[in-house]
Amino acid sequence: GEQVTSVCRERVVDLCSSEQELSDLHIQARQYKPCTIYQGYGKVCKDMAKHTEINSQLKLLSVRESTMIFLAVLLRKRRSFEK
């Protein structure tokens, strides 16, 4: 379990561009339910293969950690759309 947790944290940090963003993410993660994030991600991500891959990875993580990852992915996607 610990290995998955550390990998997860590294991926979250990697997806965030700054410490501030990471701390914002922690705050947001407490306000979201995973099902809400899954729905939002479905609208953002049209790549079903990637969607399935991420879903299967999330099943290995705790609810809180998967929430963090998903928020980080959504932030990354939103930034790429804004450019």
Protein backbone atom coordinates (compact mmCIF):
# COMPACT_ATOMS: atom_id res chain seq x y z
CA GLY A 1 0.00 0.00 0.00
CA GLU A 2 2.73 2.48 0.88
CA GLN A 3 4.38 2.17 -2.53
CA VAL A 4 1.16 3.08 -4.34
CA THR A 5 0.68 6.05 -2.01
CA SER A 6 4.14 7.48 -2.68
CA VAL A 7 3.82 7.01 -6.44
CA CYS A 8 0.43 8.70 -6.27
CA ARG A 9 1.80 11.70 -4.40
CA GLU A 10 4.65 12.07 -6.88
CA ARG A 11 2.19 12.01 -9.77
CA VAL A 12 0.01 14.64 -8.13
CA VAL A 13 3.01 16.90 -7.58
CA ASP A 14 4.12 16.29 -11.16
CA LEU A 15 0.69 17.26 -12.51
CA CYS A 16 0.65 20.49 -10.54
CA SER A 17 2.76 23.39 -11.71
CA SER A 18 3.35 24.95 -8.29
CA GLU A 19 3.21 24.48 -4.52
CA GLN A 20 0.28 26.92 -4.43
CA GLU A 21 -1.65 24.83 -6.94
CA LEU A 22 -0.91 21.70 -4.93
CA SER A 23 -2.24 23.28 -1.73
CA ASP A 24 -5.34 24.54 -3.58
CA LEU A 25 -5.79 20.97 -4.77
CA HIS A 26 -5.74 19.67 -1.19
CA ILE A 27 -8.51 22.12 -0.28
CA GLN A 28 -10.59 21.25 -3.35
CA ALA A 29 -10.17 17.51 -2.82
CA ARG A 30 -12.06 17.76 0.47
CA GLN A 31 -15.04 19.32 -1.31
CA TYR A 32 -15.40 16.79 -4.14
CA LYS A 33 -16.94 13.35 -4.28
CA PRO A 34 -15.15 10.99 -6.69
CA CYS A 35 -18.36 10.37 -8.70
CA THR A 36 -18.60 14.10 -9.47
CA ILE A 37 -15.03 14.12 -10.68
CA TYR A 38 -15.56 11.02 -12.84
CA GLN A 39 -18.49 12.77 -14.54
CA GLY A 40 -16.50 15.95 -15.11
CA TYR A 41 -13.54 14.03 -16.43
CA GLY A 42 -15.76 12.14 -18.86
CA LYS A 43 -16.76 15.43 -20.44
CA VAL A 44 -13.21 16.75 -20.62
CA CYS A 45 -11.45 13.61 -21.86
CA LYS A 46 -12.56 12.20 -25.21
CA ASP A 47 -9.76 9.63 -25.26
CA MET A 48 -11.58 6.52 -23.98
CA ALA A 49 -8.44 4.36 -23.89
CA LYS A 50 -6.75 6.91 -21.64
CA HIS A 51 -9.94 7.26 -19.60
CA THR A 52 -10.05 3.47 -19.01
CA GLU A 53 -6.35 3.34 -18.15
CA ILE A 54 -6.71 6.10 -15.56
CA ASN A 55 -9.85 4.52 -14.11
CA SER A 56 -8.04 1.23 -13.57
CA GLN A 57 -5.09 3.00 -11.94
CA LEU A 58 -7.45 4.89 -9.62
CA LYS A 59 -8.94 1.62 -8.35
CA LEU A 60 -5.55 0.86 -6.79
CA LEU A 61 -5.61 4.08 -4.80
CA SER A 62 -7.66 5.24 -1.85
CA VAL A 63 -10.68 7.45 -2.50
CA ARG A 64 -8.86 10.55 -1.24
CA GLU A 65 -5.78 9.89 -3.37
CA SER A 66 -7.81 9.14 -6.49
CA THR A 67 -9.69 12.39 -5.90
CA MET A 68 -6.38 14.28 -5.76
CA ILE A 69 -5.14 12.65 -8.95
CA PHE A 70 -8.35 13.38 -10.81
CA LEU A 71 -8.38 17.03 -9.76
CA ALA A 72 -4.78 17.36 -10.88
CA VAL A 73 -5.62 15.80 -14.25
CA LEU A 74 -8.59 18.12 -14.66
CA LEU A 75 -6.44 21.16 -13.84
CA ARG A 76 -3.87 20.07 -16.41
CA LYS A 77 -6.59 19.55 -19.05
CA ARG A 78 -8.21 22.90 -18.30
CA ARG A 79 -4.86 24.69 -18.66
CA SER A 80 -4.21 23.01 -22.00
CA PHE A 81 -7.64 24.09 -23.27
CA GLU A 82 -7.05 27.68 -22.20
CA LYS A 83 -3.81 28.00 -24.16
